Amino acid sequence: MRASAEATRTAARHLGNEAGHADITGWAWALVACFALTQSRHEAALTAAQAGQGAAGRQRVGCN
């Protein structure tokens, strides 16, 4: 299941980048942060969350 989730996230990030769709790109980074949090990789979660903020700008995205 993890491999499928990662493949979906990677595809979403690439498609979001290509389409210039900030909320999809930000959502893909939010998934990275969520995956890292569930694995107690807090530094990686913070880095991914910051990347998502940079990508999404003022769009609201998250793993809720």
PDB file of N, CA and C in Angstrom:
ATOM      1  N   MET A   1       0.819  -1.191   0.000  1.00  0.00           N
ATOM      2  CA  MET A   1       0.000   0.000   0.000  1.00  0.00           C
ATOM      3  C   MET A   1       0.863   1.257   0.000  1.00  0.00           C
ATOM      4  N   ARG A   2       1.954   1.229   0.723  1.00  0.00           N
ATOM      5  CA  ARG A   2       2.843   2.395   0.799  1.00  0.00           C
ATOM      6  C   ARG A   2       3.373   2.761  -0.580  1.00  0.00           C
ATOM      7  N   ALA A   3       3.751   1.766  -1.378  1.00  0.00           N
ATOM      8  CA  ALA A   3       4.276   2.035  -2.712  1.00  0.00           C
ATOM      9  C   ALA A   3       3.217   2.687  -3.592  1.00  0.00           C
ATOM     10  N   SER A   4       1.985   2.248  -3.485  1.00  0.00           N
ATOM     11  CA  SER A   4       0.897   2.843  -4.267  1.00  0.00           C
ATOM     12  C   SER A   4       0.648   4.283  -3.851  1.00  0.00           C
ATOM     13  N   ALA A   5       0.668   4.533  -2.555  1.00  0.00           N
ATOM     14  CA  ALA A   5       0.459   5.901  -2.062  1.00  0.00           C
ATOM     15  C   ALA A   5       1.579   6.813  -2.532  1.00  0.00           C
ATOM     16  N   GLU A   6       2.802   6.329  -2.499  1.00  0.00           N
ATOM     17  CA  GLU A   6       3.937   7.140  -2.943  1.00  0.00           C
ATOM     18  C   GLU A   6       3.868   7.399  -4.442  1.00  0.00           C
ATOM     19  N   ALA A   7       3.472   6.402  -5.219  1.00  0.00           N
ATOM     20  CA  ALA A   7       3.351   6.590  -6.663  1.00  0.00           C
ATOM     21  C   ALA A   7       2.268   7.617  -6.991  1.00  0.00           C
ATOM     22  N   THR A   8       1.163   7.570  -6.279  1.00  0.00           N
ATOM     23  CA  THR A   8       0.079   8.530  -6.493  1.00  0.00           C
ATOM     24  C   THR A   8       0.527   9.935  -6.129  1.00  0.00           C
ATOM     25  N   ARG A   9       1.220  10.062  -5.009  1.00  0.00           N
ATOM     26  CA  ARG A   9       1.711  11.365  -4.568  1.00  0.00           C
ATOM     27  C   ARG A   9       2.701  11.948  -5.563  1.00  0.00           C
ATOM     28  N   THR A  10       3.616  11.116  -6.045  1.00  0.00           N
ATOM     29  CA  THR A  10       4.604  11.573  -7.020  1.00  0.00           C
ATOM     30  C   THR A  10       3.930  12.020  -8.308  1.00  0.00           C
ATOM     31  N   ALA A  11       2.973  11.244  -8.779  1.00  0.00           N
ATOM     32  CA  ALA A  11       2.241  11.613  -9.994  1.00  0.00           C
ATOM     33  C   ALA A  11       1.484  12.923  -9.795  1.00  0.00           C
ATOM     34  N   ALA A  12       0.853  13.085  -8.651  1.00  0.00           N
ATOM     35  CA  ALA A  12       0.109  14.317  -8.377  1.00  0.00           C
ATOM     36  C   ALA A  12       1.039  15.522  -8.357  1.00  0.00           C
ATOM     37  N   ARG A  13       2.197  15.367  -7.741  1.00  0.00           N
ATOM     38  CA  ARG A  13       3.144  16.485  -7.698  1.00  0.00           C
ATOM     39  C   ARG A  13       3.610  16.868  -9.096  1.00  0.00           C
ATOM     40  N   HIS A  14       3.929  15.877  -9.909  1.00  0.00           N
ATOM     41  CA  HIS A  14       4.373  16.168 -11.276  1.00  0.00           C
ATOM     42  C   HIS A  14       3.265  16.824 -12.098  1.00  0.00           C
ATOM     43  N   LEU A  15       2.061  16.285 -11.997  1.00  0.00           N
ATOM     44  CA  LEU A  15       0.939  16.865 -12.741  1.00  0.00           C
ATOM     45  C   LEU A  15       0.621  18.276 -12.252  1.00  0.00           C
ATOM     46  N   GLY A  16       0.658  18.473 -10.939  1.00  0.00           N
ATOM     47  CA  GLY A  16       0.433  19.804 -10.383  1.00  0.00           C
ATOM     48  C   GLY A  16       1.466  20.799 -10.872  1.00  0.00           C
ATOM     49  N   ASN A  17       2.730  20.372 -10.895  1.00  0.00           N
ATOM     50  CA  ASN A  17       3.797  21.246 -11.401  1.00  0.00           C
ATOM     51  C   ASN A  17       3.584  21.582 -12.867  1.00  0.00           C
ATOM     52  N   GLU A  18       3.293  20.575 -13.681  1.00  0.00           N
ATOM     53  CA  GLU A  18       3.113  20.784 -15.118  1.00  0.00           C
ATOM     54  C   GLU A  18       1.927  21.695 -15.415  1.00  0.00           C
ATOM     55  N   ALA A  19       0.851  21.530 -14.630  1.00  0.00           N
ATOM     56  CA  ALA A  19      -0.360  22.309 -14.867  1.00  0.00           C
ATOM     57  C   ALA A  19      -0.319  23.668 -14.172  1.00  0.00           C
ATOM     58  N   GLY A  20       0.687  23.887 -13.337  1.00  0.00           N
ATOM     59  CA  GLY A  20       0.743  25.123 -12.584  1.00  0.00           C
ATOM     60  C   GLY A  20      -0.373  25.217 -11.553  1.00  0.00           C
ATOM     61  N   HIS A  21      -0.777  24.071 -11.013  1.00  0.00           N
ATOM     62  CA  HIS A  21      -1.901  23.986 -10.083  1.00  0.00           C
ATOM     63  C   HIS A  21      -1.350  23.912  -8.659  1.00  0.00           C
ATOM     64  N   ALA A  22      -1.273  25.056  -8.002  1.00  0.00           N
ATOM     65  CA  ALA A  22      -0.589  25.181  -6.715  1.00  0.00           C
ATOM     66  C   ALA A  22      -1.195  24.314  -5.625  1.00  0.00           C
ATOM     67  N   ASP A  23      -2.516  24.169  -5.590  1.00  0.00           N
ATOM     68  CA  ASP A  23      -3.089  23.386  -4.492  1.00  0.00           C
ATOM     69  C   ASP A  23      -2.803  21.898  -4.642  1.00  0.00           C
ATOM     70  N   ILE A  24      -2.720  21.382  -5.866  1.00  0.00           N
ATOM     71  CA  ILE A  24      -2.369  19.968  -6.052  1.00  0.00           C
ATOM     72  C   ILE A  24      -0.913  19.734  -5.661  1.00  0.00           C
ATOM     73  N   THR A  25      -0.039  20.634  -6.084  1.00  0.00           N
ATOM     74  CA  THR A  25       1.368  20.510  -5.726  1.00  0.00           C
ATOM     75  C   THR A  25       1.547  20.604  -4.213  1.00  0.00           C
ATOM     76  N   GLY A  26       0.865  21.543  -3.585  1.00  0.00           N
ATOM     77  CA  GLY A  26       0.935  21.679  -2.130  1.00  0.00           C
ATOM     78  C   GLY A  26       0.399  20.458  -1.420  1.00  0.00           C
ATOM     79  N   TRP A  27      -0.694  19.891  -1.945  1.00  0.00           N
ATOM     80  CA  TRP A  27      -1.276  18.682  -1.361  1.00  0.00           C
ATOM     81  C   TRP A  27      -0.291  17.521  -1.427  1.00  0.00           C
ATOM     82  N   ALA A  28       0.421  17.404  -2.547  1.00  0.00           N
ATOM     83  CA  ALA A  28       1.408  16.333  -2.684  1.00  0.00           C
ATOM     84  C   ALA A  28       2.503  16.472  -1.624  1.00  0.00           C
ATOM     85  N   TRP A  29       2.946  17.690  -1.368  1.00  0.00           N
ATOM     86  CA  TRP A  29       3.941  17.919  -0.318  1.00  0.00           C
ATOM     87  C   TRP A  29       3.344  17.650   1.062  1.00  0.00           C
ATOM     88  N   ALA A  30       2.077  17.967   1.245  1.00  0.00           N
ATOM     89  CA  ALA A  30       1.421  17.679   2.532  1.00  0.00           C
ATOM     90  C   ALA A  30       1.412  16.181   2.806  1.00  0.00           C
ATOM     91  N   LEU A  31       1.241  15.380   1.761  1.00  0.00           N
ATOM     92  CA  LEU A  31       1.293  13.925   1.944  1.00  0.00           C
ATOM     93  C   LEU A  31       2.675  13.472   2.390  1.00  0.00           C
ATOM     94  N   VAL A  32       3.714  14.077   1.820  1.00  0.00           N
ATOM     95  CA  VAL A  32       5.074  13.742   2.255  1.00  0.00           C
ATOM     96  C   VAL A  32       5.209  14.030   3.746  1.00  0.00           C
ATOM     97  N   ALA A  33       4.703  15.183   4.164  1.00  0.00           N
ATOM     98  CA  ALA A  33       4.768  15.555   5.580  1.00  0.00           C
ATOM     99  C   ALA A  33       3.988  14.565   6.443  1.00  0.00           C
ATOM    100  N   CYS A  34       2.817  14.158   5.996  1.00  0.00           N
ATOM    101  CA  CYS A  34       2.014  13.190   6.758  1.00  0.00           C
ATOM    102  C   CYS A  34       2.711  11.843   6.855  1.00  0.00           C
ATOM    103  N   PHE A  35       3.278  11.378   5.747  1.00  0.00           N
ATOM    104  CA  PHE A  35       4.006  10.109   5.770  1.00  0.00           C
ATOM    105  C   PHE A  35       5.153  10.197   6.771  1.00  0.00           C
ATOM    106  N   ALA A  36       5.889  11.301   6.741  1.00  0.00           N
ATOM    107  CA  ALA A  36       7.024  11.471   7.643  1.00  0.00           C
ATOM    108  C   ALA A  36       6.569  11.503   9.103  1.00  0.00           C
ATOM    109  N   LEU A  37       5.459  12.182   9.374  1.00  0.00           N
ATOM    110  CA  LEU A  37       4.957  12.239  10.749  1.00  0.00           C
ATOM    111  C   LEU A  37       4.589  10.867  11.282  1.00  0.00           C
ATOM    112  N   THR A  38       3.963  10.045  10.443  1.00  0.00           N
ATOM    113  CA  THR A  38       3.565   8.715  10.907  1.00  0.00           C
ATOM    114  C   THR A  38       4.766   7.809  11.150  1.00  0.00           C
ATOM    115  N   GLN A  39       5.917   8.212  10.625  1.00  0.00           N
ATOM    116  CA  GLN A  39       7.148   7.439  10.821  1.00  0.00           C
ATOM    117  C   GLN A  39       8.093   8.119  11.812  1.00  0.00           C
ATOM    118  N   SER A  40       7.587   9.137  12.504  1.00  0.00           N
ATOM    119  CA  SER A  40       8.366   9.894  13.494  1.00  0.00           C
ATOM    120  C   SER A  40       9.615  10.536  12.905  1.00  0.00           C
ATOM    121  N   ARG A  41       9.539  10.928  11.651  1.00  0.00           N
ATOM    122  CA  ARG A  41      10.641  11.640  10.989  1.00  0.00           C
ATOM    123  C   ARG A  41      10.279  13.130  10.986  1.00  0.00           C
ATOM    124  N   HIS A  42      10.449  13.744  12.129  1.00  0.00           N
ATOM    125  CA  HIS A  42       9.950  15.103  12.342  1.00  0.00           C
ATOM    126  C   HIS A  42      10.662  16.155  11.500  1.00  0.00           C
ATOM    127  N   GLU A  43      11.953  16.035  11.336  1.00  0.00           N
ATOM    128  CA  GLU A  43      12.698  16.998  10.504  1.00  0.00           C
ATOM    129  C   GLU A  43      12.222  16.916   9.045  1.00  0.00           C
ATOM    130  N   ALA A  44      12.022  15.698   8.554  1.00  0.00           N
ATOM    131  CA  ALA A  44      11.532  15.516   7.186  1.00  0.00           C
ATOM    132  C   ALA A  44      10.110  16.059   7.041  1.00  0.00           C
ATOM    133  N   ALA A  45       9.305  15.886   8.080  1.00  0.00           N
ATOM    134  CA  ALA A  45       7.932  16.416   8.050  1.00  0.00           C
ATOM    135  C   ALA A  45       7.949  17.925   7.958  1.00  0.00           C
ATOM    136  N   LEU A  46       8.816  18.564   8.735  1.00  0.00           N
ATOM    137  CA  LEU A  46       8.917  20.026   8.705  1.00  0.00           C
ATOM    138  C   LEU A  46       9.399  20.514   7.350  1.00  0.00           C
ATOM    139  N   THR A  47      10.402  19.857   6.812  1.00  0.00           N
ATOM    140  CA  THR A  47      10.933  20.238   5.499  1.00  0.00           C
ATOM    141  C   THR A  47       9.859  20.117   4.422  1.00  0.00           C
ATOM    142  N   ALA A  48       9.116  19.019   4.438  1.00  0.00           N
ATOM    143  CA  ALA A  48       8.059  18.807   3.448  1.00  0.00           C
ATOM    144  C   ALA A  48       6.929  19.814   3.626  1.00  0.00           C
ATOM    145  N   ALA A  49       6.572  20.111   4.868  1.00  0.00           N
ATOM    146  CA  ALA A  49       5.512  21.090   5.117  1.00  0.00           C
ATOM    147  C   ALA A  49       5.916  22.464   4.600  1.00  0.00           C
ATOM    148  N   GLN A  50       7.164  22.836   4.800  1.00  0.00           N
ATOM    149  CA  GLN A  50       7.649  24.123   4.301  1.00  0.00           C
ATOM    150  C   GLN A  50       7.668  24.151   2.776  1.00  0.00           C
ATOM    151  N   ALA A  51       8.038  23.033   2.154  1.00  0.00           N
ATOM    152  CA  ALA A  51       8.008  22.953   0.691  1.00  0.00           C
ATOM    153  C   ALA A  51       6.574  23.083   0.185  1.00  0.00           C
ATOM    154  N   GLY A  52       5.639  22.449   0.895  1.00  0.00           N
ATOM    155  CA  GLY A  52       4.234  22.550   0.521  1.00  0.00           C
ATOM    156  C   GLY A  52       3.714  23.968   0.645  1.00  0.00           C
ATOM    157  N   GLN A  53       4.122  24.663   1.701  1.00  0.00           N
ATOM    158  CA  GLN A  53       3.718  26.064   1.856  1.00  0.00           C
ATOM    159  C   GLN A  53       4.263  26.906   0.716  1.00  0.00           C
ATOM    160  N   GLY A  54       5.498  26.638   0.346  1.00  0.00           N
ATOM    161  CA  GLY A  54       6.092  27.381  -0.759  1.00  0.00           C
ATOM    162  C   GLY A  54       5.388  27.107  -2.079  1.00  0.00           C
ATOM    163  N   ALA A  55       4.986  25.871  -2.273  1.00  0.00           N
ATOM    164  CA  ALA A  55       4.310  25.490  -3.524  1.00  0.00           C
ATOM    165  C   ALA A  55       2.876  25.999  -3.579  1.00  0.00           C
ATOM    166  N   ALA A  56       2.165  25.895  -2.454  1.00  0.00           N
ATOM    167  CA  ALA A  56       0.744  26.208  -2.450  1.00  0.00           C
ATOM    168  C   ALA A  56       0.460  27.685  -2.233  1.00  0.00           C
ATOM    169  N   GLY A  57       1.403  28.400  -1.693  1.00  0.00           N
ATOM    170  CA  GLY A  57       1.153  29.808  -1.422  1.00  0.00           C
ATOM    171  C   GLY A  57       0.061  29.944  -0.376  1.00  0.00           C
ATOM    172  N   ARG A  58      -1.011  30.637  -0.703  1.00  0.00           N
ATOM    173  CA  ARG A  58      -2.089  30.878   0.244  1.00  0.00           C
ATOM    174  C   ARG A  58      -3.204  29.834   0.172  1.00  0.00           C
ATOM    175  N   GLN A  59      -3.042  28.826  -0.692  1.00  0.00           N
ATOM    176  CA  GLN A  59      -4.029  27.757  -0.779  1.00  0.00           C
ATOM    177  C   GLN A  59      -4.003  26.928   0.486  1.00  0.00           C
ATOM    178  N   ARG A  60      -5.148  26.451   0.925  1.00  0.00           N
ATOM    179  CA  ARG A  60      -5.230  25.593   2.114  1.00  0.00           C
ATOM    180  C   ARG A  60      -5.168  24.137   1.664  1.00  0.00           C
ATOM    181  N   VAL A  61      -4.121  23.440   2.095  1.00  0.00           N
ATOM    182  CA  VAL A  61      -3.982  22.008   1.815  1.00  0.00           C
ATOM    183  C   VAL A  61      -3.582  21.315   3.097  1.00  0.00           C
ATOM    184  N   GLY A  62      -3.730  20.015   3.164  1.00  0.00           N
ATOM    185  CA  GLY A  62      -3.333  19.305   4.366  1.00  0.00           C
ATOM    186  C   GLY A  62      -3.702  17.837   4.303  1.00  0.00           C
ATOM    187  N   CYS A  63      -3.438  17.159   5.392  1.00  0.00           N
ATOM    188  CA  CYS A  63      -3.696  15.718   5.461  1.00  0.00           C
ATOM    189  C   CYS A  63      -4.754  15.448   6.509  1.00  0.00           C
ATOM    190  N   ASN A  64      -5.820  16.214   6.499  1.00  0.00           N
ATOM    191  CA  ASN A  64      -6.898  16.023   7.487  1.00  0.00           C
ATOM    192  C   ASN A  64      -8.017  15.210   6.911  1.00  0.00           C
TER     193      ASN A  64
END
